[in-house]
Every structure is written in C-alpha cells, then in structure tokens.
Amino acid sequence: MATKKKKGKWIVKLLKAAVTAYLLLILCQLIGNVYSKLSITHKIPVSEEWNLIVVNRWNELPEDYSVELTELSNGQKVDNRIYPYLQEMFNAARTEGIYPIVREGYRTAEEQQEILDDKIQTYINQGYSQSRAEKTAKEWVALPGTSEHQLGIAVDINADKSKCSNEEVYAWLAENAYKYGFILRYPPGKQEITGTSYEPWHYRYVGVEAAQEIYEQGICLEEYFE
C-alpha cells in the first residue's frame, strides 16, 4: 500500500514538472515573439542623409561613420555642419535674454563608456546591486555605439546660470529650436519608442524641414520614419 502511495506521489511530481516545463517553454516563445516584433518595429534603415541617421539602442552608429569637428569656446565639439545653425539658435536666444551653453557635444566611444561606468558606480555607491545598478544606469546612459553624441550632431544644452536658469533655456528651446533645425530628441511619453527617458536638455540636428514637421506633429524622430 505504501509503495502505491509513493508511486502516486512520484507521478504527481512528474506531472507538475512536465506542466511547469511546458509553461516555461510557452513563456519563452512569447517573450521571443515580443522581442522579435520590437526589433523589427524599432529597426530603421540607415539614412543616406547624414542629418537623419537614427542612432538608439536598436540602431547602432554606422561602422563607416566619420565626422569633422569644430571646437566651441568651452572646449566641447560638434560636427562642422551643424555649427552655423547652433550659433544662429544661440544668438537668437540671447537676444531674448536666454543664455544657453553646450554642456555636452561630441563623444568618443571611450568617453561614452566612461560615463556609463561612472553612472553604474554611482548607483552601486547608493546601495544598488551590480545588476540593478547596470540596468538603471542604462536607462539614462547609452551604450557605446548607440549614443547620438557619437554622431556629433546632438548636444546637451544647459544655461549660463549667472544669467538665467536651466528651466528658462529648456522652455525657450522647446518653442524655438525647430526653427533652426533642432528637435527635442527624447520628448515625454515616448520612452518606449526612443528607448530613452525624457531629457529636456538633449537636442539633435535634423534640418529645418524635418524639424518643423516633427515639431508640428508632436512626434519623435523614430515616428518620423513610420
């Protein structure tokens, strides 16, 4: 009698294990399908126009990409081709009592990695585990090869705080940057599409025509290609 009970328990355990394995298999397939769909949705062909190349966590910097840089007065660098438009935009802002500065311009892959490593260490110092620190840091800092700063046509813009506030600069840019070919690259409510949280300081050059269309439609760069 005891032997039959033991056999019965083993059969129940085997059935439970089989069901669990089956459910895990189904779950893995579902996750794979979702990931596949996201990859297809987010993958954007490399534009032949330099100002419309998309770089994000799904679209890496083209291997043959090169850039010629202009150094700004504070040591930051930007692509030669956007410098005149950037200067025009800043001059226009200054005439209205707004004083922007480029806090971050072009970055090399090595500089991008250093920023990511520093961010991870900051979270670790706050008590995060290694895995949680890496995950959280990557929500704010792009992996090398997936950062627009490596294009040289994206800039982080803050204020000369001796003359105005960051909030004043962000507000002015949000209303006027498109006139000079720049877009708010990571607008609020678009994180699932851009892969990056809202950054009111990060602007990207796309050209006046594209910038106006993106601004008027209230879309992000990825949606521009849909």
Protein backbone atom coordinates (compact mmCIF):
# COMPACT_ATOMS: atom_id res chain seq x y z
CA MET A 1 0.00 0.00 0.00
CA ALA A 2 2.84 2.35 0.94
CA THR A 3 4.57 1.54 -2.35
CA LYS A 4 1.48 2.56 -4.32
CA LYS A 5 1.31 5.87 -2.44
CA LYS A 6 4.95 6.57 -3.19
CA LYS A 7 4.39 5.81 -6.86
CA GLY A 8 1.38 8.11 -6.84
CA LYS A 9 3.41 10.95 -5.34
CA TRP A 10 6.15 10.48 -7.92
CA ILE A 11 3.62 10.55 -10.74
CA VAL A 12 2.13 13.81 -9.37
CA LYS A 13 5.61 15.34 -9.11
CA LEU A 14 6.46 14.29 -12.65
CA LEU A 15 3.20 15.73 -13.96
CA LYS A 16 3.85 19.00 -12.14
CA ALA A 17 7.37 19.17 -13.54
CA ALA A 18 6.09 18.47 -17.05
CA VAL A 19 3.42 21.16 -16.78
CA THR A 20 5.95 23.67 -15.39
CA ALA A 21 8.40 22.90 -18.20
CA TYR A 22 5.64 23.28 -20.79
CA LEU A 23 4.53 26.62 -19.35
CA LEU A 24 8.12 27.86 -19.27
CA LEU A 25 8.52 26.85 -22.92
CA ILE A 26 5.37 28.77 -23.88
CA LEU A 27 6.55 31.80 -21.88
CA CYS A 28 9.96 31.77 -23.60
CA GLN A 29 8.27 31.60 -27.01
CA LEU A 30 6.02 34.54 -26.13
CA ILE A 31 8.96 36.61 -24.91
CA GLY A 32 10.89 35.72 -28.05
CA ASN A 33 7.99 36.75 -30.28
CA VAL A 34 7.60 40.08 -28.47
CA TYR A 35 11.33 40.77 -28.68
CA SER A 36 11.33 39.87 -32.37
CA LYS A 37 8.45 42.22 -33.07
CA LEU A 38 10.10 45.04 -31.13
CA SER A 39 13.35 44.53 -33.01
CA ILE A 40 11.55 44.71 -36.34
CA THR A 41 9.49 47.73 -35.25
CA HIS A 42 12.49 49.66 -33.96
CA LYS A 43 14.99 48.78 -36.67
CA ILE A 44 15.32 51.75 -39.04
CA PRO A 45 17.45 51.62 -42.22
CA VAL A 46 20.47 53.93 -42.21
CA SER A 47 19.51 57.17 -43.91
CA GLU A 48 21.56 58.40 -46.84
CA GLU A 49 21.14 61.89 -45.40
CA TRP A 50 23.67 62.49 -42.61
CA ASN A 51 21.27 64.65 -40.63
CA LEU A 52 18.62 61.91 -40.46
CA ILE A 53 20.70 58.93 -39.31
CA VAL A 54 18.92 57.27 -36.39
CA VAL A 55 21.07 56.08 -33.50
CA ASN A 56 19.41 54.50 -30.48
CA ARG A 57 19.55 51.23 -28.53
CA TRP A 58 18.22 49.32 -31.56
CA ASN A 59 20.15 51.20 -34.26
CA GLU A 60 23.90 51.42 -33.80
CA LEU A 61 26.25 54.00 -35.21
CA PRO A 62 27.19 53.02 -38.80
CA GLU A 63 30.61 51.35 -38.88
CA ASP A 64 31.92 53.69 -41.59
CA TYR A 65 30.66 56.87 -39.91
CA SER A 66 33.16 59.71 -39.63
CA VAL A 67 32.83 63.31 -38.56
CA GLU A 68 34.79 66.54 -38.85
CA LEU A 69 34.54 68.61 -35.71
CA THR A 70 34.50 72.26 -34.68
CA GLU A 71 35.63 73.10 -31.15
CA LEU A 72 33.45 75.52 -29.20
CA SER A 73 34.73 78.20 -26.83
CA ASN A 74 34.21 75.93 -23.80
CA GLY A 75 36.10 73.01 -25.33
CA GLN A 76 33.06 70.97 -26.40
CA LYS A 77 32.98 69.81 -30.01
CA VAL A 78 30.26 69.45 -32.65
CA ASP A 79 30.01 68.40 -36.28
CA ASN A 80 31.20 71.21 -38.58
CA ARG A 81 27.93 71.05 -40.48
CA ILE A 82 25.68 71.96 -37.55
CA TYR A 83 27.88 74.69 -36.10
CA PRO A 84 26.34 77.61 -38.07
CA TYR A 85 22.79 76.55 -37.11
CA LEU A 86 23.76 76.09 -33.48
CA GLN A 87 25.32 79.55 -33.37
CA GLU A 88 22.29 81.09 -35.05
CA MET A 89 20.00 79.48 -32.50
CA PHE A 90 22.09 80.60 -29.54
CA ASN A 91 22.31 84.16 -30.88
CA ALA A 92 18.53 84.27 -31.25
CA ALA A 93 18.09 83.06 -27.68
CA ARG A 94 20.48 85.68 -26.32
CA THR A 95 18.52 88.49 -27.95
CA GLU A 96 15.58 87.35 -25.80
CA GLY A 97 17.56 87.23 -22.58
CA ILE A 98 18.17 83.46 -22.68
CA TYR A 99 21.78 82.29 -22.41
CA PRO A 100 22.31 78.65 -23.41
CA ILE A 101 25.60 76.76 -23.36
CA VAL A 102 26.58 73.37 -24.77
CA ARG A 103 27.28 71.19 -21.74
CA GLU A 104 27.96 68.06 -23.81
CA GLY A 105 28.70 67.72 -27.50
CA TYR A 106 30.60 65.05 -29.42
CA ARG A 107 31.83 61.99 -27.52
CA THR A 108 34.10 59.15 -28.49
CA ALA A 109 33.11 55.55 -27.72
CA GLU A 110 35.68 55.54 -24.92
CA GLU A 111 34.19 58.68 -23.34
CA GLN A 112 30.70 57.17 -23.59
CA GLN A 113 31.89 54.03 -21.81
CA GLU A 114 33.47 56.10 -19.03
CA ILE A 115 30.21 57.97 -18.46
CA LEU A 116 28.29 54.68 -18.30
CA ASP A 117 30.81 53.16 -15.89
CA ASP A 118 30.65 56.24 -13.65
CA LYS A 119 26.85 56.09 -13.61
CA ILE A 120 26.90 52.41 -12.66
CA GLN A 121 29.37 53.10 -9.85
CA THR A 122 27.19 55.95 -8.57
CA TYR A 123 24.24 53.57 -8.18
CA ILE A 124 26.44 50.93 -6.54
CA ASN A 125 27.61 53.55 -4.04
CA GLN A 126 23.94 54.21 -3.28
CA GLY A 127 23.49 50.56 -2.31
CA TYR A 128 22.26 49.08 -5.58
CA SER A 129 23.35 45.56 -6.57
CA GLN A 130 25.66 45.28 -9.60
CA SER A 131 22.86 44.03 -11.89
CA ARG A 132 20.37 46.64 -10.70
CA ALA A 133 22.97 49.42 -10.98
CA GLU A 134 23.78 48.41 -14.58
CA LYS A 135 20.11 48.18 -15.54
CA THR A 136 19.25 51.55 -14.00
CA ALA A 137 22.31 53.29 -15.45
CA LYS A 138 21.46 52.07 -18.95
CA GLU A 139 18.07 53.77 -18.68
CA TRP A 140 19.93 57.10 -18.60
CA VAL A 141 23.23 56.48 -20.35
CA ALA A 142 23.51 54.83 -23.77
CA LEU A 143 25.93 52.02 -24.52
CA PRO A 144 28.89 52.98 -26.74
CA GLY A 145 27.77 52.76 -30.35
CA THR A 146 24.18 53.65 -29.50
CA SER A 147 24.65 57.26 -28.36
CA GLU A 148 23.76 60.21 -30.56
CA HIS A 149 26.66 62.11 -29.04
CA GLN A 150 28.96 59.94 -31.15
CA LEU A 151 27.33 61.42 -34.26
CA GLY A 152 28.46 64.93 -33.34
CA ILE A 153 25.07 66.40 -34.28
CA ALA A 154 23.46 66.11 -30.83
CA VAL A 155 24.07 68.44 -27.92
CA ASP A 156 23.08 68.68 -24.28
CA ILE A 157 22.15 72.32 -23.67
CA ASN A 158 22.03 73.97 -20.28
CA ALA A 159 22.07 77.57 -19.07
CA ASP A 160 24.77 80.03 -18.21
CA LYS A 161 23.43 80.10 -14.67
CA SER A 162 24.92 83.50 -13.94
CA LYS A 163 22.39 84.93 -16.41
CA CYS A 164 19.36 82.60 -16.48
CA SER A 165 18.07 79.21 -15.33
CA ASN A 166 18.05 75.80 -16.99
CA GLU A 167 14.24 75.87 -16.95
CA GLU A 168 14.22 79.12 -18.95
CA VAL A 169 16.59 77.60 -21.51
CA TYR A 170 14.55 74.40 -21.80
CA ALA A 171 11.32 76.37 -22.26
CA TRP A 172 12.83 78.56 -24.98
CA LEU A 173 14.31 75.60 -26.84
CA ALA A 174 11.04 73.67 -26.71
CA GLU A 175 9.31 76.55 -28.50
CA ASN A 176 12.04 77.67 -30.89
CA ALA A 177 14.70 75.03 -31.60
CA TYR A 178 12.86 73.59 -34.61
CA LYS A 179 13.26 76.91 -36.44
CA TYR A 180 16.99 76.22 -36.61
CA GLY A 181 16.77 72.53 -37.47
CA PHE A 182 16.95 71.05 -33.97
CA ILE A 183 14.45 68.76 -32.25
CA LEU A 184 13.85 67.71 -28.66
CA ARG A 185 15.20 64.22 -29.18
CA TYR A 186 13.65 62.49 -26.17
CA PRO A 187 10.22 64.01 -25.52
CA PRO A 188 7.99 62.95 -22.63
CA GLY A 189 5.73 59.95 -23.23
CA LYS A 190 7.94 58.49 -25.99
CA GLN A 191 10.35 56.33 -23.98
CA GLU A 192 9.11 53.02 -25.42
CA ILE A 193 9.78 54.36 -28.92
CA THR A 194 13.05 56.23 -28.37
CA GLY A 195 14.41 53.89 -25.71
CA THR A 196 15.39 56.88 -23.58
CA SER A 197 13.66 58.78 -20.78
CA TYR A 198 12.57 62.40 -21.23
CA GLU A 199 15.58 64.74 -21.47
CA PRO A 200 14.64 68.43 -21.85
CA TRP A 201 18.29 69.34 -22.47
CA HIS A 202 19.09 66.95 -25.34
CA TYR A 203 18.67 68.39 -28.83
CA ARG A 204 19.55 66.84 -32.15
CA TYR A 205 20.02 68.44 -35.56
CA VAL A 206 17.79 67.03 -38.33
CA GLY A 207 17.47 70.04 -40.66
CA VAL A 208 14.85 72.75 -40.70
CA GLU A 209 12.32 70.92 -42.89
CA ALA A 210 12.31 67.70 -40.83
CA ALA A 211 12.43 69.62 -37.55
CA GLN A 212 9.36 71.66 -38.43
CA GLU A 213 7.39 68.55 -39.40
CA ILE A 214 8.40 66.70 -36.22
CA TYR A 215 7.57 69.73 -34.07
CA GLU A 216 4.18 70.40 -35.67
CA GLN A 217 3.09 66.75 -35.47
CA GLY A 218 4.34 66.28 -31.91
CA ILE A 219 6.27 63.15 -32.84
CA CYS A 220 9.78 61.85 -32.17
CA LEU A 221 12.48 61.05 -34.73
CA GLU A 222 11.63 57.33 -34.85
CA GLU A 223 7.99 58.13 -35.66
CA TYR A 224 9.12 60.42 -38.47
CA PHE A 225 10.18 57.31 -40.42
CA GLU A 226 6.93 55.39 -39.98
